[in-house]
Amino acid sequence: MLQSGREMERDGHRVSFWFEEQLLPWLRGPGVRRLLVPLLIAAKLLRLAATGERPDIVEIHERMAAPYAWLAARLPRLPACVVMSHGVEERVWEAALRQAETYGQPMSPVRRRLVSLFLLRQIRVGFRNASTVIVLSSEDELFLRERLNVAETRIRRCSTGVDESLFSIDRSTRRPGSVIFVGDWNDRKGSAS
């Protein structure tokens, strides 16, 4: 994200970052934050649109996009909303449910209902109202089209990776080292693509 911001700035664009942790930093509890931060973002963007500081595009992560995406789809004076997904949350949730079932780990009915009512529905509103949705894998793209009925014309796939300049470093005087990658490599991240 920071790298793409720097590239846009090199092209002459003005880029601002609003990080979730900076919005309502005093508010604890992820459940309450998930409900209030998206509303705060929409309110701040409405105020910004009323001033001369209106941006041309607003890119928001899928968990926080619903209120603004819904407003931007209905109020032409608002900047276009681009929703960014780093792995469609609904696919993540479905994978967690399958894993719990496979390993015999009970998933509470209350948790299932809360996730469905508050997280997944909110995310669907963001996807369905965004002018564009950016995903990182063909599996996420397919899921959005086939399961969430997002028009193919509004979905863009953007592969992420390492800045190629890192491979041009002179290594002739350096001793080879070792690298450890820590993360997961699973189907929901498009490992088969």
N, C-alpha and C. Protein backbone atom coordinates (compact mmCIF):
# COMPACT_ATOMS: atom_id res chain seq x y z
N MET A 1 0.82 -1.19 0.00
CA MET A 1 0.00 0.00 0.00
C MET A 1 0.87 1.25 0.00
N LEU A 2 1.86 1.28 0.87
CA LEU A 2 2.74 2.44 0.93
C LEU A 2 3.53 2.58 -0.37
N GLN A 3 3.96 1.46 -0.94
CA GLN A 3 4.70 1.49 -2.21
C GLN A 3 3.82 2.03 -3.33
N SER A 4 2.58 1.56 -3.42
CA SER A 4 1.70 2.07 -4.49
C SER A 4 1.42 3.55 -4.27
N GLY A 5 1.31 3.98 -3.01
CA GLY A 5 1.14 5.40 -2.72
C GLY A 5 2.32 6.23 -3.19
N ARG A 6 3.54 5.72 -2.95
CA ARG A 6 4.74 6.43 -3.41
C ARG A 6 4.77 6.53 -4.94
N GLU A 7 4.36 5.45 -5.60
CA GLU A 7 4.34 5.46 -7.07
C GLU A 7 3.34 6.49 -7.58
N MET A 8 2.19 6.58 -6.95
CA MET A 8 1.19 7.57 -7.36
C MET A 8 1.70 8.99 -7.11
N GLU A 9 2.40 9.19 -5.99
CA GLU A 9 2.97 10.51 -5.71
C GLU A 9 4.02 10.89 -6.75
N ARG A 10 4.81 9.91 -7.21
CA ARG A 10 5.80 10.18 -8.27
C ARG A 10 5.13 10.64 -9.55
N ASP A 11 3.90 10.19 -9.77
CA ASP A 11 3.13 10.61 -10.95
C ASP A 11 2.41 11.94 -10.72
N GLY A 12 2.63 12.56 -9.57
CA GLY A 12 2.06 13.88 -9.31
C GLY A 12 0.77 13.89 -8.52
N HIS A 13 0.31 12.73 -8.08
CA HIS A 13 -0.93 12.68 -7.30
C HIS A 13 -0.65 12.99 -5.84
N ARG A 14 -1.66 13.50 -5.15
CA ARG A 14 -1.57 13.72 -3.71
C ARG A 14 -2.23 12.53 -3.04
N VAL A 15 -1.51 11.84 -2.17
CA VAL A 15 -2.01 10.63 -1.53
C VAL A 15 -2.01 10.83 -0.02
N SER A 16 -3.12 10.46 0.61
CA SER A 16 -3.22 10.51 2.07
C SER A 16 -3.57 9.11 2.56
N PHE A 17 -3.07 8.76 3.73
CA PHE A 17 -3.37 7.47 4.34
C PHE A 17 -4.11 7.71 5.65
N TRP A 18 -5.22 7.02 5.82
CA TRP A 18 -5.94 7.02 7.10
C TRP A 18 -5.87 5.59 7.61
N PHE A 19 -5.15 5.37 8.69
CA PHE A 19 -5.04 4.03 9.23
C PHE A 19 -6.08 3.83 10.33
N GLU A 20 -6.65 2.63 10.36
CA GLU A 20 -7.71 2.32 11.31
C GLU A 20 -7.31 2.66 12.74
N GLU A 21 -6.06 2.39 13.08
CA GLU A 21 -5.59 2.62 14.45
C GLU A 21 -5.63 4.10 14.83
N GLN A 22 -5.59 4.98 13.83
CA GLN A 22 -5.63 6.42 14.09
C GLN A 22 -7.05 6.94 14.25
N LEU A 23 -8.03 6.15 13.85
CA LEU A 23 -9.42 6.55 13.94
C LEU A 23 -10.01 5.96 15.23
N LEU A 24 -10.42 6.80 16.11
CA LEU A 24 -10.93 6.39 17.43
C LEU A 24 -9.91 5.54 18.19
N PRO A 25 -8.67 6.02 18.36
CA PRO A 25 -7.63 5.20 18.99
C PRO A 25 -7.96 4.82 20.44
N TRP A 26 -8.77 5.58 21.09
CA TRP A 26 -9.13 5.32 22.48
C TRP A 26 -10.15 4.20 22.62
N LEU A 27 -10.80 3.84 21.52
CA LEU A 27 -11.86 2.83 21.58
C LEU A 27 -11.26 1.43 21.56
N ARG A 28 -11.54 0.66 22.56
CA ARG A 28 -11.04 -0.71 22.65
C ARG A 28 -12.16 -1.68 22.29
N GLY A 29 -11.78 -2.87 21.95
CA GLY A 29 -12.76 -3.90 21.61
C GLY A 29 -13.00 -3.95 20.12
N PRO A 30 -12.55 -5.01 19.46
CA PRO A 30 -12.65 -5.08 18.00
C PRO A 30 -14.09 -5.06 17.49
N GLY A 31 -15.02 -5.63 18.24
CA GLY A 31 -16.41 -5.66 17.77
C GLY A 31 -16.99 -4.26 17.64
N VAL A 32 -16.79 -3.44 18.65
CA VAL A 32 -17.31 -2.07 18.63
C VAL A 32 -16.58 -1.25 17.58
N ARG A 33 -15.27 -1.44 17.47
CA ARG A 33 -14.48 -0.71 16.47
C ARG A 33 -14.97 -1.05 15.05
N ARG A 34 -15.30 -2.33 14.82
CA ARG A 34 -15.75 -2.74 13.49
C ARG A 34 -17.04 -2.04 13.09
N LEU A 35 -17.85 -1.68 14.06
CA LEU A 35 -19.09 -0.98 13.76
C LEU A 35 -18.90 0.52 13.64
N LEU A 36 -18.08 1.10 14.51
CA LEU A 36 -17.97 2.56 14.57
C LEU A 36 -16.95 3.16 13.60
N VAL A 37 -15.82 2.50 13.38
CA VAL A 37 -14.80 3.07 12.50
C VAL A 37 -15.33 3.25 11.07
N PRO A 38 -16.04 2.30 10.47
CA PRO A 38 -16.58 2.54 9.12
C PRO A 38 -17.54 3.74 9.08
N LEU A 39 -18.32 3.93 10.13
CA LEU A 39 -19.22 5.09 10.19
C LEU A 39 -18.43 6.39 10.29
N LEU A 40 -17.36 6.36 11.09
CA LEU A 40 -16.51 7.54 11.23
C LEU A 40 -15.85 7.89 9.90
N ILE A 41 -15.39 6.89 9.18
CA ILE A 41 -14.76 7.11 7.87
C ILE A 41 -15.76 7.80 6.94
N ALA A 42 -16.98 7.27 6.88
CA ALA A 42 -18.00 7.87 6.01
C ALA A 42 -18.28 9.31 6.42
N ALA A 43 -18.38 9.57 7.72
CA ALA A 43 -18.65 10.93 8.21
C ALA A 43 -17.50 11.88 7.84
N LYS A 44 -16.26 11.43 8.03
CA LYS A 44 -15.10 12.26 7.69
C LYS A 44 -15.05 12.56 6.19
N LEU A 45 -15.37 11.57 5.37
CA LEU A 45 -15.35 11.77 3.93
C LEU A 45 -16.48 12.68 3.46
N LEU A 46 -17.63 12.61 4.12
CA LEU A 46 -18.73 13.53 3.80
C LEU A 46 -18.31 14.97 4.10
N ARG A 47 -17.68 15.17 5.26
CA ARG A 47 -17.20 16.52 5.63
C ARG A 47 -16.13 16.99 4.64
N LEU A 48 -15.23 16.09 4.27
CA LEU A 48 -14.16 16.44 3.34
C LEU A 48 -14.71 16.82 1.96
N ALA A 49 -15.74 16.10 1.52
CA ALA A 49 -16.35 16.37 0.21
C ALA A 49 -17.01 17.74 0.18
N ALA A 50 -17.43 18.22 1.34
CA ALA A 50 -18.08 19.54 1.42
C ALA A 50 -17.06 20.68 1.36
N THR A 51 -15.77 20.36 1.49
CA THR A 51 -14.72 21.37 1.44
C THR A 51 -14.03 21.31 0.09
N GLY A 52 -13.04 22.12 -0.10
CA GLY A 52 -12.26 22.10 -1.33
C GLY A 52 -11.22 20.99 -1.34
N GLU A 53 -11.17 20.18 -0.31
CA GLU A 53 -10.16 19.12 -0.19
C GLU A 53 -10.68 17.76 -0.67
N ARG A 54 -11.72 17.77 -1.45
CA ARG A 54 -12.34 16.52 -1.91
C ARG A 54 -11.36 15.71 -2.75
N PRO A 55 -11.09 14.44 -2.36
CA PRO A 55 -10.21 13.60 -3.19
C PRO A 55 -10.96 13.12 -4.43
N ASP A 56 -10.23 12.61 -5.40
CA ASP A 56 -10.85 12.06 -6.60
C ASP A 56 -11.32 10.63 -6.39
N ILE A 57 -10.56 9.88 -5.60
CA ILE A 57 -10.87 8.47 -5.36
C ILE A 57 -10.61 8.17 -3.89
N VAL A 58 -11.44 7.29 -3.32
CA VAL A 58 -11.23 6.82 -1.96
C VAL A 58 -11.10 5.30 -2.03
N GLU A 59 -9.98 4.78 -1.58
CA GLU A 59 -9.77 3.33 -1.53
C GLU A 59 -9.90 2.90 -0.07
N ILE A 60 -10.77 1.94 0.17
CA ILE A 60 -11.04 1.49 1.54
C ILE A 60 -10.96 -0.03 1.59
N HIS A 61 -10.37 -0.54 2.66
CA HIS A 61 -10.32 -1.99 2.86
C HIS A 61 -11.73 -2.52 3.07
N GLU A 62 -11.98 -3.74 2.61
CA GLU A 62 -13.33 -4.30 2.58
C GLU A 62 -14.08 -4.25 3.92
N ARG A 63 -13.40 -4.44 5.04
CA ARG A 63 -14.09 -4.45 6.34
C ARG A 63 -14.64 -3.07 6.72
N MET A 64 -14.08 -2.02 6.15
CA MET A 64 -14.46 -0.67 6.57
C MET A 64 -15.23 0.11 5.50
N ALA A 65 -15.55 -0.50 4.38
CA ALA A 65 -16.04 0.24 3.22
C ALA A 65 -17.55 0.45 3.16
N ALA A 66 -18.34 -0.37 3.81
CA ALA A 66 -19.80 -0.38 3.57
C ALA A 66 -20.48 0.97 3.66
N PRO A 67 -20.38 1.72 4.77
CA PRO A 67 -21.14 2.98 4.83
C PRO A 67 -20.75 3.96 3.74
N TYR A 68 -19.44 4.13 3.51
CA TYR A 68 -19.03 5.09 2.48
C TYR A 68 -19.39 4.60 1.08
N ALA A 69 -19.17 3.33 0.79
CA ALA A 69 -19.49 2.79 -0.54
C ALA A 69 -20.98 2.98 -0.84
N TRP A 70 -21.81 2.74 0.15
CA TRP A 70 -23.26 2.90 -0.01
C TRP A 70 -23.59 4.36 -0.33
N LEU A 71 -23.00 5.30 0.43
CA LEU A 71 -23.25 6.72 0.19
C LEU A 71 -22.72 7.17 -1.17
N ALA A 72 -21.50 6.77 -1.50
CA ALA A 72 -20.87 7.20 -2.75
C ALA A 72 -21.64 6.69 -3.97
N ALA A 73 -22.28 5.53 -3.85
CA ALA A 73 -23.07 4.99 -4.96
C ALA A 73 -24.35 5.80 -5.18
N ARG A 74 -24.76 6.58 -4.18
CA ARG A 74 -26.01 7.33 -4.27
C ARG A 74 -25.85 8.83 -4.36
N LEU A 75 -24.68 9.35 -4.00
CA LEU A 75 -24.45 10.79 -4.01
C LEU A 75 -23.33 11.12 -5.00
N PRO A 76 -23.66 11.60 -6.19
CA PRO A 76 -22.63 11.84 -7.21
C PRO A 76 -21.56 12.85 -6.80
N ARG A 77 -21.83 13.67 -5.81
CA ARG A 77 -20.82 14.66 -5.38
C ARG A 77 -19.69 14.02 -4.60
N LEU A 78 -19.86 12.75 -4.21
CA LEU A 78 -18.81 12.06 -3.45
C LEU A 78 -17.83 11.38 -4.39
N PRO A 79 -16.55 11.29 -3.97
CA PRO A 79 -15.55 10.58 -4.78
C PRO A 79 -15.89 9.10 -4.90
N ALA A 80 -15.45 8.50 -6.00
CA ALA A 80 -15.67 7.07 -6.22
C ALA A 80 -15.04 6.25 -5.10
N CYS A 81 -15.71 5.16 -4.75
CA CYS A 81 -15.20 4.26 -3.70
C CYS A 81 -14.62 3.01 -4.36
N VAL A 82 -13.34 2.76 -4.08
CA VAL A 82 -12.66 1.55 -4.54
C VAL A 82 -12.45 0.69 -3.30
N VAL A 83 -12.96 -0.53 -3.33
CA VAL A 83 -12.81 -1.44 -2.19
C VAL A 83 -11.64 -2.37 -2.47
N MET A 84 -10.72 -2.44 -1.52
CA MET A 84 -9.54 -3.29 -1.63
C MET A 84 -9.72 -4.51 -0.73
N SER A 85 -9.49 -5.68 -1.29
CA SER A 85 -9.56 -6.92 -0.51
C SER A 85 -8.22 -7.63 -0.58
N HIS A 86 -7.73 -8.02 0.56
CA HIS A 86 -6.48 -8.78 0.63
C HIS A 86 -6.78 -10.26 0.88
N GLY A 87 -7.92 -10.70 0.45
CA GLY A 87 -8.42 -12.05 0.69
C GLY A 87 -9.85 -11.91 1.16
N VAL A 88 -10.81 -12.19 0.31
CA VAL A 88 -12.22 -11.93 0.61
C VAL A 88 -12.59 -12.57 1.94
N GLU A 89 -13.02 -11.74 2.88
CA GLU A 89 -13.31 -12.18 4.25
C GLU A 89 -14.34 -13.30 4.30
N GLU A 90 -15.30 -13.29 3.41
CA GLU A 90 -16.31 -14.34 3.42
C GLU A 90 -15.69 -15.69 3.09
N ARG A 91 -14.71 -15.70 2.20
CA ARG A 91 -13.99 -16.95 1.91
C ARG A 91 -13.18 -17.38 3.13
N VAL A 92 -12.59 -16.41 3.84
CA VAL A 92 -11.82 -16.70 5.05
C VAL A 92 -12.74 -17.33 6.09
N TRP A 93 -13.93 -16.75 6.27
CA TRP A 93 -14.89 -17.27 7.24
C TRP A 93 -15.32 -18.69 6.88
N GLU A 94 -15.62 -18.92 5.61
CA GLU A 94 -16.02 -20.26 5.18
C GLU A 94 -14.90 -21.27 5.42
N ALA A 95 -13.66 -20.87 5.20
CA ALA A 95 -12.52 -21.76 5.46
C ALA A 95 -12.41 -22.05 6.95
N ALA A 96 -12.65 -21.05 7.79
CA ALA A 96 -12.60 -21.26 9.24
C ALA A 96 -13.69 -22.22 9.69
N LEU A 97 -14.87 -22.11 9.11
CA LEU A 97 -15.96 -23.03 9.45
C LEU A 97 -15.61 -24.46 9.03
N ARG A 98 -15.05 -24.61 7.82
CA ARG A 98 -14.65 -25.95 7.37
C ARG A 98 -13.57 -26.54 8.27
N GLN A 99 -12.61 -25.70 8.65
CA GLN A 99 -11.53 -26.17 9.51
C GLN A 99 -12.08 -26.60 10.88
N ALA A 100 -12.97 -25.81 11.44
CA ALA A 100 -13.57 -26.16 12.73
C ALA A 100 -14.32 -27.48 12.64
N GLU A 101 -15.03 -27.67 11.55
CA GLU A 101 -15.77 -28.92 11.36
C GLU A 101 -14.82 -30.10 11.18
N THR A 102 -13.76 -29.91 10.39
CA THR A 102 -12.79 -30.97 10.13
C THR A 102 -12.12 -31.44 11.41
N TYR A 103 -11.77 -30.49 12.28
CA TYR A 103 -11.05 -30.83 13.51
C TYR A 103 -11.96 -30.99 14.72
N GLY A 104 -13.27 -30.98 14.50
CA GLY A 104 -14.20 -31.18 15.60
C GLY A 104 -14.19 -30.06 16.63
N GLN A 105 -13.88 -28.86 16.18
CA GLN A 105 -13.88 -27.70 17.09
C GLN A 105 -15.23 -27.01 16.98
N PRO A 106 -15.96 -26.96 18.07
CA PRO A 106 -17.29 -26.35 17.99
C PRO A 106 -17.20 -24.84 17.72
N MET A 107 -18.10 -24.36 16.88
CA MET A 107 -18.20 -22.93 16.59
C MET A 107 -19.53 -22.48 17.20
N SER A 108 -19.47 -21.56 18.12
CA SER A 108 -20.69 -21.18 18.83
C SER A 108 -21.72 -20.58 17.88
N PRO A 109 -22.99 -20.91 18.11
CA PRO A 109 -24.06 -20.34 17.27
C PRO A 109 -24.10 -18.81 17.37
N VAL A 110 -23.75 -18.28 18.52
CA VAL A 110 -23.74 -16.82 18.69
C VAL A 110 -22.68 -16.20 17.79
N ARG A 111 -21.49 -16.79 17.78
CA ARG A 111 -20.42 -16.27 16.92
C ARG A 111 -20.82 -16.36 15.45
N ARG A 112 -21.38 -17.49 15.06
CA ARG A 112 -21.82 -17.66 13.66
C ARG A 112 -22.80 -16.55 13.28
N ARG A 113 -23.76 -16.29 14.14
CA ARG A 113 -24.78 -15.29 13.85
C ARG A 113 -24.19 -13.88 13.81
N LEU A 114 -23.32 -13.56 14.78
CA LEU A 114 -22.72 -12.22 14.82
C LEU A 114 -21.86 -11.95 13.58
N VAL A 115 -21.06 -12.94 13.20
CA VAL A 115 -20.21 -12.76 12.01
C VAL A 115 -21.09 -12.57 10.77
N SER A 116 -22.14 -13.39 10.65
CA SER A 116 -23.02 -13.28 9.50
C SER A 116 -23.76 -11.95 9.46
N LEU A 117 -24.30 -11.53 10.60
CA LEU A 117 -25.09 -10.30 10.64
C LEU A 117 -24.26 -9.04 10.51
N PHE A 118 -23.15 -8.98 11.21
CA PHE A 118 -22.42 -7.72 11.29
C PHE A 118 -21.20 -7.63 10.39
N LEU A 119 -20.45 -8.69 10.23
CA LEU A 119 -19.25 -8.61 9.41
C LEU A 119 -19.55 -8.89 7.94
N LEU A 120 -20.12 -10.06 7.67
CA LEU A 120 -20.30 -10.45 6.27
C LEU A 120 -21.31 -9.57 5.54
N ARG A 121 -22.41 -9.23 6.19
CA ARG A 121 -23.39 -8.36 5.53
C ARG A 121 -22.80 -6.99 5.24
N GLN A 122 -22.03 -6.47 6.18
CA GLN A 122 -21.40 -5.17 5.99
C GLN A 122 -20.43 -5.23 4.81
N ILE A 123 -19.64 -6.28 4.73
CA ILE A 123 -18.68 -6.42 3.64
C ILE A 123 -19.39 -6.54 2.29
N ARG A 124 -20.48 -7.29 2.25
CA ARG A 124 -21.24 -7.43 1.00
C ARG A 124 -21.76 -6.08 0.51
N VAL A 125 -22.23 -5.25 1.44
CA VAL A 125 -22.71 -3.91 1.07
C VAL A 125 -21.58 -3.12 0.42
N GLY A 126 -20.38 -3.20 0.99
CA GLY A 126 -19.24 -2.51 0.41
C GLY A 126 -18.92 -2.99 -0.99
N PHE A 127 -18.87 -4.31 -1.17
CA PHE A 127 -18.56 -4.87 -2.49
C PHE A 127 -19.61 -4.48 -3.52
N ARG A 128 -20.87 -4.58 -3.16
CA ARG A 128 -21.95 -4.35 -4.12
C ARG A 128 -22.13 -2.88 -4.49
N ASN A 129 -21.64 -1.98 -3.65
CA ASN A 129 -21.81 -0.56 -3.92
C ASN A 129 -20.54 0.15 -4.40
N ALA A 130 -19.42 -0.54 -4.36
CA ALA A 130 -18.15 0.07 -4.79
C ALA A 130 -18.15 0.29 -6.30
N SER A 131 -17.47 1.34 -6.72
CA SER A 131 -17.34 1.54 -8.17
C SER A 131 -16.36 0.52 -8.74
N THR A 132 -15.36 0.12 -7.93
CA THR A 132 -14.38 -0.88 -8.33
C THR A 132 -13.99 -1.69 -7.10
N VAL A 133 -13.74 -2.98 -7.30
CA VAL A 133 -13.23 -3.85 -6.24
C VAL A 133 -11.90 -4.42 -6.71
N ILE A 134 -10.88 -4.29 -5.89
CA ILE A 134 -9.56 -4.82 -6.22
C ILE A 134 -9.31 -6.07 -5.37
N VAL A 135 -8.96 -7.16 -6.03
CA VAL A 135 -8.65 -8.41 -5.35
C VAL A 135 -7.25 -8.87 -5.77
N LEU A 136 -6.70 -9.82 -5.01
CA LEU A 136 -5.34 -10.27 -5.27
C LEU A 136 -5.24 -11.64 -5.93
N SER A 137 -6.38 -12.34 -6.06
CA SER A 137 -6.30 -13.68 -6.65
C SER A 137 -7.48 -13.96 -7.55
N SER A 138 -7.29 -14.91 -8.46
CA SER A 138 -8.37 -15.30 -9.36
C SER A 138 -9.51 -15.96 -8.59
N GLU A 139 -9.19 -16.65 -7.48
CA GLU A 139 -10.23 -17.29 -6.67
C GLU A 139 -11.14 -16.25 -6.03
N ASP A 140 -10.56 -15.15 -5.54
CA ASP A 140 -11.38 -14.08 -4.96
C ASP A 140 -12.24 -13.43 -6.05
N GLU A 141 -11.65 -13.22 -7.21
CA GLU A 141 -12.39 -12.64 -8.33
C GLU A 141 -13.60 -13.51 -8.68
N LEU A 142 -13.39 -14.81 -8.78
CA LEU A 142 -14.46 -15.75 -9.10
C LEU A 142 -15.53 -15.76 -8.01
N PHE A 143 -15.11 -15.73 -6.75
CA PHE A 143 -16.04 -15.72 -5.62
C PHE A 143 -16.93 -14.48 -5.69
N LEU A 144 -16.34 -13.32 -5.94
CA LEU A 144 -17.12 -12.08 -6.03
C LEU A 144 -18.15 -12.16 -7.15
N ARG A 145 -17.74 -12.67 -8.30
CA ARG A 145 -18.66 -12.76 -9.44
C ARG A 145 -19.77 -13.77 -9.19
N GLU A 146 -19.37 -14.98 -8.80
CA GLU A 146 -20.34 -16.08 -8.75
C GLU A 146 -21.14 -16.14 -7.46
N ARG A 147 -20.52 -15.80 -6.36
CA ARG A 147 -21.23 -15.94 -5.07
C ARG A 147 -21.85 -14.63 -4.57
N LEU A 148 -21.20 -13.51 -4.86
CA LEU A 148 -21.70 -12.24 -4.35
C LEU A 148 -22.29 -11.36 -5.45
N ASN A 149 -22.32 -11.86 -6.68
CA ASN A 149 -22.94 -11.16 -7.81
C ASN A 149 -22.38 -9.77 -8.06
N VAL A 150 -21.07 -9.61 -7.90
CA VAL A 150 -20.41 -8.35 -8.24
C VAL A 150 -20.10 -8.42 -9.74
N ALA A 151 -20.48 -7.39 -10.45
CA ALA A 151 -20.29 -7.37 -11.91
C ALA A 151 -18.80 -7.50 -12.26
N GLU A 152 -18.53 -8.33 -13.24
CA GLU A 152 -17.15 -8.57 -13.67
C GLU A 152 -16.45 -7.27 -14.09
N THR A 153 -17.20 -6.33 -14.64
CA THR A 153 -16.63 -5.06 -15.10
C THR A 153 -16.14 -4.18 -13.95
N ARG A 154 -16.58 -4.48 -12.72
CA ARG A 154 -16.16 -3.68 -11.57
C ARG A 154 -15.05 -4.33 -10.76
N ILE A 155 -14.58 -5.50 -11.18
CA ILE A 155 -13.54 -6.22 -10.43
C ILE A 155 -12.21 -6.10 -11.17
N ARG A 156 -11.17 -5.78 -10.42
CA ARG A 156 -9.81 -5.72 -10.96
C ARG A 156 -8.93 -6.60 -10.09
N ARG A 157 -8.10 -7.39 -10.75
CA ARG A 157 -7.15 -8.21 -10.00
C ARG A 157 -5.80 -7.55 -10.08
N CYS A 158 -5.16 -7.43 -8.95
CA CYS A 158 -3.86 -6.77 -8.85
C CYS A 158 -2.93 -7.70 -8.08
N SER A 159 -1.97 -8.26 -8.76
CA SER A 159 -1.03 -9.15 -8.09
C SER A 159 -0.01 -8.33 -7.33
N THR A 160 0.29 -8.74 -6.12
CA THR A 160 1.29 -8.04 -5.33
C THR A 160 2.59 -8.83 -5.39
N GLY A 161 3.66 -8.19 -5.03
CA GLY A 161 4.94 -8.88 -5.06
C GLY A 161 6.04 -8.00 -4.52
N VAL A 162 7.24 -8.40 -4.79
CA VAL A 162 8.43 -7.72 -4.29
C VAL A 162 8.89 -6.70 -5.33
N ASP A 163 9.34 -5.56 -4.86
CA ASP A 163 9.90 -4.53 -5.74
C ASP A 163 11.11 -5.14 -6.46
N GLU A 164 11.09 -5.10 -7.80
CA GLU A 164 12.15 -5.73 -8.59
C GLU A 164 13.53 -5.12 -8.34
N SER A 165 13.60 -3.89 -7.84
CA SER A 165 14.90 -3.27 -7.59
C SER A 165 15.68 -4.04 -6.52
N LEU A 166 14.99 -4.79 -5.68
CA LEU A 166 15.68 -5.59 -4.66
C LEU A 166 16.54 -6.69 -5.29
N PHE A 167 16.21 -7.10 -6.50
CA PHE A 167 16.97 -8.15 -7.16
C PHE A 167 18.19 -7.62 -7.90
N SER A 168 18.35 -6.30 -7.97
CA SER A 168 19.49 -5.73 -8.69
C SER A 168 20.64 -5.36 -7.74
N ILE A 169 20.55 -5.73 -6.48
CA ILE A 169 21.60 -5.42 -5.51
C ILE A 169 22.85 -6.25 -5.83
N ASP A 170 24.02 -5.62 -5.79
CA ASP A 170 25.28 -6.33 -6.04
C ASP A 170 25.55 -7.28 -4.87
N ARG A 171 25.55 -8.56 -5.18
CA ARG A 171 25.74 -9.56 -4.14
C ARG A 171 27.12 -10.21 -4.18
N SER A 172 27.98 -9.73 -5.06
CA SER A 172 29.28 -10.39 -5.26
C SER A 172 30.15 -10.34 -4.00
N THR A 173 30.00 -9.34 -3.17
CA THR A 173 30.84 -9.23 -1.97
C THR A 173 30.11 -9.72 -0.71
N ARG A 174 28.94 -10.22 -0.87
CA ARG A 174 28.17 -10.64 0.31
C ARG A 174 28.16 -12.15 0.44
N ARG A 175 28.19 -12.58 1.68
CA ARG A 175 28.07 -14.00 1.98
C ARG A 175 26.60 -14.39 1.89
N PRO A 176 26.29 -15.52 1.26
CA PRO A 176 24.89 -15.95 1.19
C PRO A 176 24.31 -16.11 2.59
N GLY A 177 23.07 -15.72 2.76
CA GLY A 177 22.40 -15.83 4.06
C GLY A 177 21.26 -16.81 3.97
N SER A 178 20.44 -16.76 4.97
CA SER A 178 19.26 -17.63 4.96
C SER A 178 18.04 -16.76 5.26
N VAL A 179 16.91 -17.24 4.79
CA VAL A 179 15.66 -16.49 4.93
C VAL A 179 14.61 -17.41 5.50
N ILE A 180 13.81 -16.89 6.39
CA ILE A 180 12.65 -17.62 6.90
C ILE A 180 11.42 -16.83 6.53
N PHE A 181 10.46 -17.48 5.87
CA PHE A 181 9.18 -16.87 5.57
C PHE A 181 8.18 -17.37 6.59
N VAL A 182 7.48 -16.48 7.22
CA VAL A 182 6.45 -16.87 8.19
C VAL A 182 5.12 -16.37 7.66
N GLY A 183 4.20 -17.26 7.47
CA GLY A 183 2.88 -16.90 6.97
C GLY A 183 2.12 -18.16 6.65
N ASP A 184 1.06 -18.03 5.93
CA ASP A 184 0.35 -19.23 5.50
C ASP A 184 0.16 -19.19 4.00
N TRP A 185 0.06 -20.34 3.43
CA TRP A 185 -0.07 -20.51 1.99
C TRP A 185 -1.23 -21.45 1.80
N ASN A 186 -2.39 -20.89 1.53
CA ASN A 186 -3.56 -21.74 1.46
C ASN A 186 -4.43 -21.36 0.26
N ASP A 187 -5.44 -22.19 0.01
CA ASP A 187 -6.28 -22.02 -1.17
C ASP A 187 -6.96 -20.66 -1.22
N ARG A 188 -7.41 -20.15 -0.08
CA ARG A 188 -8.16 -18.90 -0.10
C ARG A 188 -7.31 -17.72 -0.56
N LYS A 189 -5.98 -17.85 -0.50
CA LYS A 189 -5.10 -16.77 -0.96
C LYS A 189 -4.70 -16.96 -2.42
N GLY A 190 -5.29 -17.95 -3.05
CA GLY A 190 -5.02 -18.13 -4.48
C GLY A 190 -3.73 -18.87 -4.76
N SER A 191 -3.32 -19.75 -3.86
CA SER A 191 -2.07 -20.46 -4.04
C SER A 191 -2.07 -21.33 -5.29
N ALA A 192 -3.25 -21.69 -5.78
CA ALA A 192 -3.31 -22.52 -6.98
C ALA A 192 -3.16 -21.71 -8.26
N SER A 193 -3.23 -20.36 -8.18
CA SER A 193 -3.16 -19.53 -9.41
C SER A 193 -1.74 -19.42 -9.91
